[in-house]
Amino acid sequence: MTTYRYRVKFEPDPRSLWRDIVVGADQTLNEFQSTLNRSVGLNQDHLWYFGTDQDYRDSDVKYKCPREMEESGSGLMRGGSVYSAGETTVGQMARQLDLDERDRICYLFDYGDMWRFYAILKEIDEDASSDVEPKVVKEKGDAVEQYPSPGEGW
């Protein structure tokens, strides 16, 4: 029985936009990602993955969105270990990567626009229920505008 609290920060502006998300160990990475996206203003219309390297595409381990795994097997990127985020739980990822508090994972959404985030593991609560659905418990900053009007940018 475990929950994880991640502080998810927007890479281009980590002090202005972040979310604390608590998620049970039995929830999939796909479920975690869905909550993350909604909380920062992104939708579900692009490919994405969680990785282990701050250079994102150089990650030795990648947890890819289920759609990418279905459409292209191991996906668009090669090398390293690849897992389906639809089949991998948050707890499995934590064990596979041997995550401790203050460790971080990276999240890349939309391989074209490359929305980059990193998630720092803030707390591991081994006394909490493992089936807790992901939820935002603390936040700072306004959500991004995924499709800004012409002439605007992020």
N, C-alpha and C. Protein backbone atom coordinates (compact mmCIF):
# COMPACT_ATOMS: atom_id res chain seq x y z
N MET A 1 0.84 -1.18 0.00
CA MET A 1 0.00 0.00 0.00
C MET A 1 0.88 1.24 0.00
N THR A 2 0.87 1.96 -1.14
CA THR A 2 1.78 3.09 -1.27
C THR A 2 1.19 4.14 -2.20
N THR A 3 1.44 5.41 -1.87
CA THR A 3 1.19 6.50 -2.81
C THR A 3 2.49 7.27 -3.02
N TYR A 4 2.54 7.94 -4.14
CA TYR A 4 3.69 8.76 -4.49
C TYR A 4 3.20 10.18 -4.74
N ARG A 5 3.97 11.13 -4.23
CA ARG A 5 3.66 12.55 -4.49
C ARG A 5 4.77 13.10 -5.36
N TYR A 6 4.39 13.53 -6.56
CA TYR A 6 5.35 14.10 -7.50
C TYR A 6 5.09 15.59 -7.65
N ARG A 7 6.15 16.37 -7.70
CA ARG A 7 6.04 17.78 -8.09
C ARG A 7 6.44 17.83 -9.57
N VAL A 8 5.45 18.13 -10.40
CA VAL A 8 5.66 18.18 -11.84
C VAL A 8 5.88 19.63 -12.23
N LYS A 9 7.05 19.89 -12.84
CA LYS A 9 7.43 21.27 -13.20
C LYS A 9 7.55 21.40 -14.71
N PHE A 10 7.10 22.54 -15.21
CA PHE A 10 7.20 22.88 -16.62
C PHE A 10 8.64 23.28 -16.89
N GLU A 11 9.35 22.56 -17.74
CA GLU A 11 10.78 22.78 -17.90
C GLU A 11 11.16 24.21 -18.29
N PRO A 12 10.47 24.84 -19.24
CA PRO A 12 10.90 26.19 -19.59
C PRO A 12 10.72 27.22 -18.47
N ASP A 13 9.82 26.95 -17.52
CA ASP A 13 9.54 27.91 -16.46
C ASP A 13 9.15 27.18 -15.17
N PRO A 14 10.07 26.42 -14.58
CA PRO A 14 9.72 25.54 -13.45
C PRO A 14 9.29 26.25 -12.17
N ARG A 15 9.66 27.50 -12.00
CA ARG A 15 9.26 28.21 -10.78
C ARG A 15 7.87 28.82 -10.91
N SER A 16 7.40 29.02 -12.13
CA SER A 16 6.11 29.66 -12.34
C SER A 16 4.97 28.68 -12.57
N LEU A 17 5.27 27.48 -13.05
CA LEU A 17 4.22 26.51 -13.32
C LEU A 17 4.64 25.14 -12.81
N TRP A 18 3.93 24.68 -11.77
CA TRP A 18 4.15 23.32 -11.26
C TRP A 18 2.87 22.81 -10.62
N ARG A 19 2.80 21.49 -10.50
CA ARG A 19 1.67 20.82 -9.87
C ARG A 19 2.20 19.70 -8.99
N ASP A 20 1.64 19.56 -7.79
CA ASP A 20 1.90 18.39 -6.96
C ASP A 20 0.77 17.40 -7.22
N ILE A 21 1.14 16.20 -7.62
CA ILE A 21 0.15 15.17 -7.93
C ILE A 21 0.44 13.95 -7.06
N VAL A 22 -0.59 13.49 -6.35
CA VAL A 22 -0.51 12.27 -5.55
C VAL A 22 -1.16 11.16 -6.36
N VAL A 23 -0.48 10.03 -6.44
CA VAL A 23 -0.98 8.91 -7.24
C VAL A 23 -0.66 7.60 -6.52
N GLY A 24 -1.63 6.69 -6.53
CA GLY A 24 -1.44 5.38 -5.92
C GLY A 24 -0.54 4.49 -6.76
N ALA A 25 0.18 3.61 -6.09
CA ALA A 25 1.12 2.72 -6.76
C ALA A 25 0.46 1.82 -7.79
N ASP A 26 -0.84 1.53 -7.63
CA ASP A 26 -1.54 0.63 -8.56
C ASP A 26 -2.11 1.33 -9.78
N GLN A 27 -1.99 2.64 -9.86
CA GLN A 27 -2.49 3.39 -11.02
C GLN A 27 -1.47 3.31 -12.15
N THR A 28 -1.95 3.28 -13.39
CA THR A 28 -1.02 3.21 -14.52
C THR A 28 -0.38 4.56 -14.78
N LEU A 29 0.72 4.53 -15.48
CA LEU A 29 1.36 5.77 -15.89
C LEU A 29 0.45 6.55 -16.84
N ASN A 30 -0.36 5.84 -17.60
CA ASN A 30 -1.32 6.50 -18.48
C ASN A 30 -2.32 7.32 -17.66
N GLU A 31 -2.78 6.79 -16.55
CA GLU A 31 -3.71 7.51 -15.68
C GLU A 31 -3.02 8.73 -15.04
N PHE A 32 -1.78 8.55 -14.62
CA PHE A 32 -1.00 9.65 -14.05
C PHE A 32 -0.83 10.75 -15.09
N GLN A 33 -0.48 10.37 -16.30
CA GLN A 33 -0.26 11.33 -17.38
C GLN A 33 -1.53 12.09 -17.72
N SER A 34 -2.64 11.41 -17.72
CA SER A 34 -3.91 12.06 -18.05
C SER A 34 -4.22 13.18 -17.06
N THR A 35 -4.02 12.93 -15.78
CA THR A 35 -4.23 13.95 -14.75
C THR A 35 -3.23 15.09 -14.91
N LEU A 36 -1.98 14.74 -15.15
CA LEU A 36 -0.92 15.73 -15.35
C LEU A 36 -1.32 16.66 -16.50
N ASN A 37 -1.69 16.07 -17.66
CA ASN A 37 -2.03 16.88 -18.83
C ASN A 37 -3.18 17.84 -18.55
N ARG A 38 -4.26 17.32 -17.99
CA ARG A 38 -5.42 18.17 -17.70
C ARG A 38 -5.02 19.32 -16.77
N SER A 39 -4.17 19.04 -15.80
CA SER A 39 -3.83 20.06 -14.81
C SER A 39 -2.96 21.18 -15.37
N VAL A 40 -2.23 20.92 -16.46
CA VAL A 40 -1.36 21.96 -17.03
C VAL A 40 -1.91 22.52 -18.34
N GLY A 41 -3.10 22.08 -18.76
CA GLY A 41 -3.73 22.66 -19.93
C GLY A 41 -3.50 21.95 -21.25
N LEU A 42 -2.98 20.73 -21.21
CA LEU A 42 -2.75 19.97 -22.43
C LEU A 42 -3.85 18.93 -22.61
N ASN A 43 -4.09 18.54 -23.86
CA ASN A 43 -5.10 17.52 -24.10
C ASN A 43 -4.42 16.17 -24.34
N GLN A 44 -5.10 15.25 -24.96
CA GLN A 44 -4.57 13.90 -25.16
C GLN A 44 -4.34 13.59 -26.64
N ASP A 45 -4.13 14.61 -27.47
CA ASP A 45 -4.11 14.39 -28.91
C ASP A 45 -2.73 14.13 -29.52
N HIS A 46 -1.72 13.93 -28.71
CA HIS A 46 -0.37 13.70 -29.25
C HIS A 46 0.31 12.54 -28.53
N LEU A 47 1.39 12.06 -29.13
CA LEU A 47 2.19 11.01 -28.49
C LEU A 47 2.97 11.62 -27.34
N TRP A 48 3.37 10.76 -26.40
CA TRP A 48 4.09 11.21 -25.22
C TRP A 48 4.82 10.03 -24.58
N TYR A 49 5.73 10.34 -23.69
CA TYR A 49 6.37 9.29 -22.88
C TYR A 49 7.01 9.89 -21.64
N PHE A 50 7.19 9.01 -20.65
CA PHE A 50 8.01 9.31 -19.49
C PHE A 50 9.39 8.71 -19.76
N GLY A 51 10.44 9.40 -19.34
CA GLY A 51 11.79 8.90 -19.54
C GLY A 51 12.66 9.16 -18.33
N THR A 52 13.91 8.74 -18.44
CA THR A 52 14.82 8.82 -17.31
C THR A 52 15.91 9.86 -17.48
N ASP A 53 16.04 10.46 -18.64
CA ASP A 53 17.15 11.37 -18.90
C ASP A 53 16.63 12.78 -19.15
N GLN A 54 17.31 13.78 -18.62
CA GLN A 54 16.85 15.14 -18.84
C GLN A 54 16.99 15.57 -20.29
N ASP A 55 17.73 14.83 -21.08
CA ASP A 55 17.79 15.10 -22.52
C ASP A 55 16.66 14.39 -23.25
N TYR A 56 15.72 13.84 -22.52
CA TYR A 56 14.50 13.23 -23.01
C TYR A 56 14.74 12.13 -24.03
N ARG A 57 15.06 12.47 -25.24
CA ARG A 57 15.19 11.46 -26.29
C ARG A 57 16.35 10.49 -26.02
N ASP A 58 17.26 10.85 -25.13
CA ASP A 58 18.39 9.98 -24.79
C ASP A 58 18.09 9.05 -23.63
N SER A 59 16.86 9.02 -23.16
CA SER A 59 16.50 8.18 -22.01
C SER A 59 16.77 6.71 -22.30
N ASP A 60 17.40 6.05 -21.33
CA ASP A 60 17.65 4.60 -21.45
C ASP A 60 16.38 3.80 -21.24
N VAL A 61 15.45 4.36 -20.49
CA VAL A 61 14.17 3.69 -20.22
C VAL A 61 13.07 4.66 -20.60
N LYS A 62 12.08 4.16 -21.36
CA LYS A 62 10.94 4.99 -21.78
C LYS A 62 9.65 4.25 -21.51
N TYR A 63 8.67 4.99 -21.01
CA TYR A 63 7.32 4.47 -20.78
C TYR A 63 6.42 5.24 -21.74
N LYS A 64 6.03 4.60 -22.84
CA LYS A 64 5.35 5.29 -23.93
C LYS A 64 3.85 5.16 -23.86
N CYS A 65 3.18 6.14 -24.46
CA CYS A 65 1.72 6.14 -24.48
C CYS A 65 1.21 4.89 -25.19
N PRO A 66 0.09 4.37 -24.74
CA PRO A 66 -0.45 3.15 -25.32
C PRO A 66 -0.69 3.24 -26.82
N ARG A 67 -1.15 4.39 -27.30
CA ARG A 67 -1.40 4.53 -28.75
C ARG A 67 -0.13 4.32 -29.57
N GLU A 68 0.98 4.86 -29.10
CA GLU A 68 2.24 4.69 -29.84
C GLU A 68 2.67 3.23 -29.83
N MET A 69 2.49 2.58 -28.69
CA MET A 69 2.87 1.16 -28.60
C MET A 69 2.02 0.32 -29.56
N GLU A 70 0.73 0.63 -29.66
CA GLU A 70 -0.16 -0.12 -30.54
C GLU A 70 0.15 0.14 -32.01
N GLU A 71 0.41 1.39 -32.36
CA GLU A 71 0.59 1.78 -33.76
C GLU A 71 1.95 1.39 -34.33
N SER A 72 2.97 1.41 -33.50
CA SER A 72 4.30 1.18 -34.06
C SER A 72 5.16 0.23 -33.24
N GLY A 73 4.57 -0.64 -32.50
CA GLY A 73 5.36 -1.60 -31.72
C GLY A 73 6.18 -0.89 -30.67
N SER A 74 7.48 -0.83 -30.89
CA SER A 74 8.35 -0.18 -29.91
C SER A 74 8.34 1.33 -30.04
N GLY A 75 7.64 1.86 -31.02
CA GLY A 75 7.49 3.31 -31.13
C GLY A 75 8.48 3.95 -32.08
N LEU A 76 8.49 5.28 -32.06
CA LEU A 76 9.30 6.05 -32.99
C LEU A 76 10.77 6.09 -32.63
N MET A 77 11.09 5.99 -31.35
CA MET A 77 12.49 6.09 -30.92
C MET A 77 13.06 4.71 -30.64
N ARG A 78 14.30 4.57 -30.85
CA ARG A 78 14.96 3.28 -30.68
C ARG A 78 15.98 3.35 -29.54
N GLY A 79 16.36 2.19 -29.06
CA GLY A 79 17.38 2.12 -28.03
C GLY A 79 16.79 2.09 -26.64
N GLY A 80 17.47 1.42 -25.73
CA GLY A 80 17.03 1.36 -24.34
C GLY A 80 15.84 0.44 -24.16
N SER A 81 15.29 0.45 -22.97
CA SER A 81 14.12 -0.37 -22.64
C SER A 81 12.86 0.45 -22.85
N VAL A 82 11.85 -0.17 -23.44
CA VAL A 82 10.59 0.51 -23.73
C VAL A 82 9.46 -0.28 -23.10
N TYR A 83 8.57 0.44 -22.40
CA TYR A 83 7.42 -0.17 -21.75
C TYR A 83 6.16 0.61 -22.12
N SER A 84 5.04 -0.06 -22.07
CA SER A 84 3.76 0.61 -22.31
C SER A 84 3.30 1.29 -21.03
N ALA A 85 3.00 2.59 -21.13
CA ALA A 85 2.50 3.34 -19.98
C ALA A 85 1.08 2.92 -19.63
N GLY A 86 0.41 2.25 -20.54
CA GLY A 86 -0.93 1.75 -20.26
C GLY A 86 -0.93 0.47 -19.46
N GLU A 87 0.20 -0.21 -19.44
CA GLU A 87 0.32 -1.48 -18.72
C GLU A 87 1.23 -1.39 -17.50
N THR A 88 1.99 -0.32 -17.40
CA THR A 88 2.94 -0.16 -16.30
C THR A 88 2.33 0.72 -15.22
N THR A 89 2.36 0.25 -13.98
CA THR A 89 1.84 1.06 -12.88
C THR A 89 2.93 2.00 -12.36
N VAL A 90 2.48 2.99 -11.63
CA VAL A 90 3.41 3.94 -11.01
C VAL A 90 4.35 3.20 -10.07
N GLY A 91 3.83 2.24 -9.33
CA GLY A 91 4.66 1.45 -8.42
C GLY A 91 5.69 0.60 -9.16
N GLN A 92 5.30 0.00 -10.27
CA GLN A 92 6.24 -0.79 -11.06
C GLN A 92 7.38 0.09 -11.58
N MET A 93 7.02 1.27 -12.09
CA MET A 93 8.06 2.19 -12.57
C MET A 93 9.01 2.57 -11.44
N ALA A 94 8.47 2.88 -10.27
CA ALA A 94 9.32 3.27 -9.14
C ALA A 94 10.28 2.15 -8.77
N ARG A 95 9.80 0.90 -8.81
CA ARG A 95 10.68 -0.24 -8.52
C ARG A 95 11.70 -0.45 -9.64
N GLN A 96 11.27 -0.39 -10.89
CA GLN A 96 12.18 -0.60 -12.02
C GLN A 96 13.31 0.42 -12.04
N LEU A 97 12.98 1.67 -11.70
CA LEU A 97 13.97 2.74 -11.73
C LEU A 97 14.63 2.96 -10.38
N ASP A 98 14.22 2.20 -9.37
CA ASP A 98 14.75 2.34 -8.01
C ASP A 98 14.66 3.79 -7.54
N LEU A 99 13.45 4.37 -7.68
CA LEU A 99 13.25 5.77 -7.33
C LEU A 99 13.17 5.98 -5.83
N ASP A 100 13.82 7.01 -5.37
CA ASP A 100 13.76 7.46 -3.98
C ASP A 100 13.27 8.91 -3.99
N GLU A 101 12.92 9.40 -2.82
CA GLU A 101 12.52 10.80 -2.72
C GLU A 101 13.63 11.69 -3.27
N ARG A 102 13.24 12.71 -4.01
CA ARG A 102 14.09 13.69 -4.68
C ARG A 102 14.62 13.22 -6.03
N ASP A 103 14.36 11.97 -6.42
CA ASP A 103 14.71 11.52 -7.77
C ASP A 103 13.70 12.12 -8.74
N ARG A 104 14.09 12.17 -10.01
CA ARG A 104 13.16 12.74 -10.97
C ARG A 104 13.06 11.91 -12.23
N ILE A 105 11.90 12.03 -12.85
CA ILE A 105 11.66 11.44 -14.15
C ILE A 105 11.27 12.59 -15.08
N CYS A 106 11.35 12.35 -16.36
CA CYS A 106 11.02 13.38 -17.34
C CYS A 106 9.78 12.97 -18.12
N TYR A 107 9.05 13.96 -18.58
CA TYR A 107 7.83 13.73 -19.35
C TYR A 107 7.85 14.62 -20.57
N LEU A 108 7.66 14.02 -21.73
CA LEU A 108 7.64 14.75 -22.99
C LEU A 108 6.29 14.50 -23.67
N PHE A 109 5.59 15.58 -24.00
CA PHE A 109 4.30 15.51 -24.66
C PHE A 109 4.40 16.21 -26.01
N ASP A 110 3.97 15.55 -27.05
CA ASP A 110 3.94 16.08 -28.42
C ASP A 110 5.36 16.17 -28.97
N TYR A 111 5.73 15.21 -29.77
CA TYR A 111 7.09 15.14 -30.29
C TYR A 111 7.43 16.28 -31.24
N GLY A 112 6.43 17.00 -31.73
CA GLY A 112 6.68 18.16 -32.59
C GLY A 112 6.92 19.41 -31.75
N ASP A 113 5.94 19.78 -30.93
CA ASP A 113 6.06 20.98 -30.09
C ASP A 113 6.93 20.75 -28.86
N MET A 114 7.09 19.51 -28.48
CA MET A 114 7.97 19.11 -27.38
C MET A 114 7.69 19.87 -26.08
N TRP A 115 6.52 19.64 -25.50
CA TRP A 115 6.20 20.17 -24.18
C TRP A 115 6.97 19.33 -23.16
N ARG A 116 7.89 19.95 -22.45
CA ARG A 116 8.78 19.23 -21.54
C ARG A 116 8.47 19.54 -20.09
N PHE A 117 8.40 18.47 -19.31
CA PHE A 117 8.17 18.57 -17.87
C PHE A 117 9.11 17.60 -17.17
N TYR A 118 9.36 17.85 -15.92
CA TYR A 118 10.03 16.84 -15.10
C TYR A 118 9.28 16.71 -13.79
N ALA A 119 9.28 15.50 -13.25
CA ALA A 119 8.53 15.19 -12.04
C ALA A 119 9.50 14.73 -10.97
N ILE A 120 9.56 15.48 -9.89
CA ILE A 120 10.43 15.15 -8.77
C ILE A 120 9.60 14.37 -7.75
N LEU A 121 10.09 13.23 -7.33
CA LEU A 121 9.40 12.44 -6.32
C LEU A 121 9.58 13.13 -4.97
N LYS A 122 8.50 13.73 -4.48
CA LYS A 122 8.56 14.50 -3.25
C LYS A 122 8.34 13.64 -2.00
N GLU A 123 7.48 12.62 -2.13
CA GLU A 123 7.13 11.84 -0.94
C GLU A 123 6.63 10.46 -1.34
N ILE A 124 7.03 9.47 -0.56
CA ILE A 124 6.52 8.11 -0.68
C ILE A 124 5.79 7.81 0.62
N ASP A 125 4.49 7.54 0.53
CA ASP A 125 3.68 7.24 1.71
C ASP A 125 3.29 5.77 1.66
N GLU A 126 3.99 4.95 2.41
CA GLU A 126 3.76 3.51 2.38
C GLU A 126 2.55 3.08 3.19
N ASP A 127 1.92 4.00 3.91
CA ASP A 127 0.73 3.68 4.69
C ASP A 127 -0.57 4.05 3.98
N ALA A 128 -0.47 4.66 2.81
CA ALA A 128 -1.66 5.09 2.07
C ALA A 128 -2.12 3.98 1.13
N SER A 129 -3.34 4.11 0.65
CA SER A 129 -3.93 3.12 -0.25
C SER A 129 -3.30 3.19 -1.64
N SER A 130 -2.94 2.04 -2.19
CA SER A 130 -2.30 1.98 -3.50
C SER A 130 -3.24 2.25 -4.65
N ASP A 131 -4.54 2.25 -4.40
CA ASP A 131 -5.49 2.46 -5.50
C ASP A 131 -5.99 3.90 -5.59
N VAL A 132 -5.30 4.84 -4.94
CA VAL A 132 -5.68 6.25 -5.00
C VAL A 132 -5.50 6.75 -6.43
N GLU A 133 -6.59 7.28 -6.99
CA GLU A 133 -6.51 7.85 -8.33
C GLU A 133 -5.67 9.12 -8.30
N PRO A 134 -4.96 9.42 -9.39
CA PRO A 134 -4.13 10.63 -9.41
C PRO A 134 -4.96 11.88 -9.17
N LYS A 135 -4.44 12.76 -8.32
CA LYS A 135 -5.13 14.03 -8.08
C LYS A 135 -4.12 15.11 -7.77
N VAL A 136 -4.44 16.31 -8.21
CA VAL A 136 -3.61 17.48 -7.94
C VAL A 136 -3.93 17.94 -6.53
N VAL A 137 -2.89 18.06 -5.69
CA VAL A 137 -3.10 18.47 -4.30
C VAL A 137 -2.52 19.86 -3.99
N LYS A 138 -1.71 20.37 -4.90
CA LYS A 138 -1.14 21.70 -4.72
C LYS A 138 -0.69 22.17 -6.10
N GLU A 139 -0.77 23.47 -6.33
CA GLU A 139 -0.38 23.95 -7.65
C GLU A 139 0.06 25.39 -7.61
N LYS A 140 0.82 25.76 -8.63
CA LYS A 140 1.24 27.15 -8.82
C LYS A 140 1.24 27.43 -10.32
N GLY A 141 0.70 28.56 -10.69
CA GLY A 141 0.74 29.02 -12.07
C GLY A 141 -0.47 28.62 -12.89
N ASP A 142 -0.68 29.39 -13.93
CA ASP A 142 -1.78 29.14 -14.84
C ASP A 142 -1.41 28.07 -15.84
N ALA A 143 -2.42 27.33 -16.27
CA ALA A 143 -2.22 26.31 -17.29
C ALA A 143 -1.70 26.95 -18.58
N VAL A 144 -0.98 26.17 -19.36
CA VAL A 144 -0.47 26.65 -20.64
C VAL A 144 -1.61 26.67 -21.66
N GLU A 145 -1.40 27.39 -22.74
CA GLU A 145 -2.34 27.38 -23.85
C GLU A 145 -1.70 26.52 -24.94
N GLN A 146 -2.21 25.30 -25.09
CA GLN A 146 -1.60 24.35 -26.01
C GLN A 146 -1.60 24.87 -27.45
N TYR A 147 -2.68 25.51 -27.86
CA TYR A 147 -2.77 26.03 -29.21
C TYR A 147 -2.99 27.54 -29.16
N PRO A 148 -1.90 28.30 -28.93
CA PRO A 148 -2.06 29.75 -28.83
C PRO A 148 -2.50 30.37 -30.15
N SER A 149 -3.10 31.54 -30.03
CA SER A 149 -3.51 32.28 -31.22
C SER A 149 -2.28 32.65 -32.02
N PRO A 150 -2.42 32.85 -33.34
CA PRO A 150 -1.26 33.27 -34.14
C PRO A 150 -0.60 34.50 -33.55
N GLY A 151 0.72 34.48 -33.52
CA GLY A 151 1.48 35.59 -32.96
C GLY A 151 1.79 35.46 -31.50
N GLU A 152 1.09 34.52 -30.82
CA GLU A 152 1.38 34.28 -29.40
C GLU A 152 2.25 33.05 -29.29
N GLY A 153 2.94 32.90 -28.23
CA GLY A 153 3.77 31.73 -28.01
C GLY A 153 3.89 31.42 -26.56
N TRP A 154 4.56 30.37 -26.24
CA TRP A 154 4.82 30.04 -24.84
C TRP A 154 6.28 30.13 -24.65
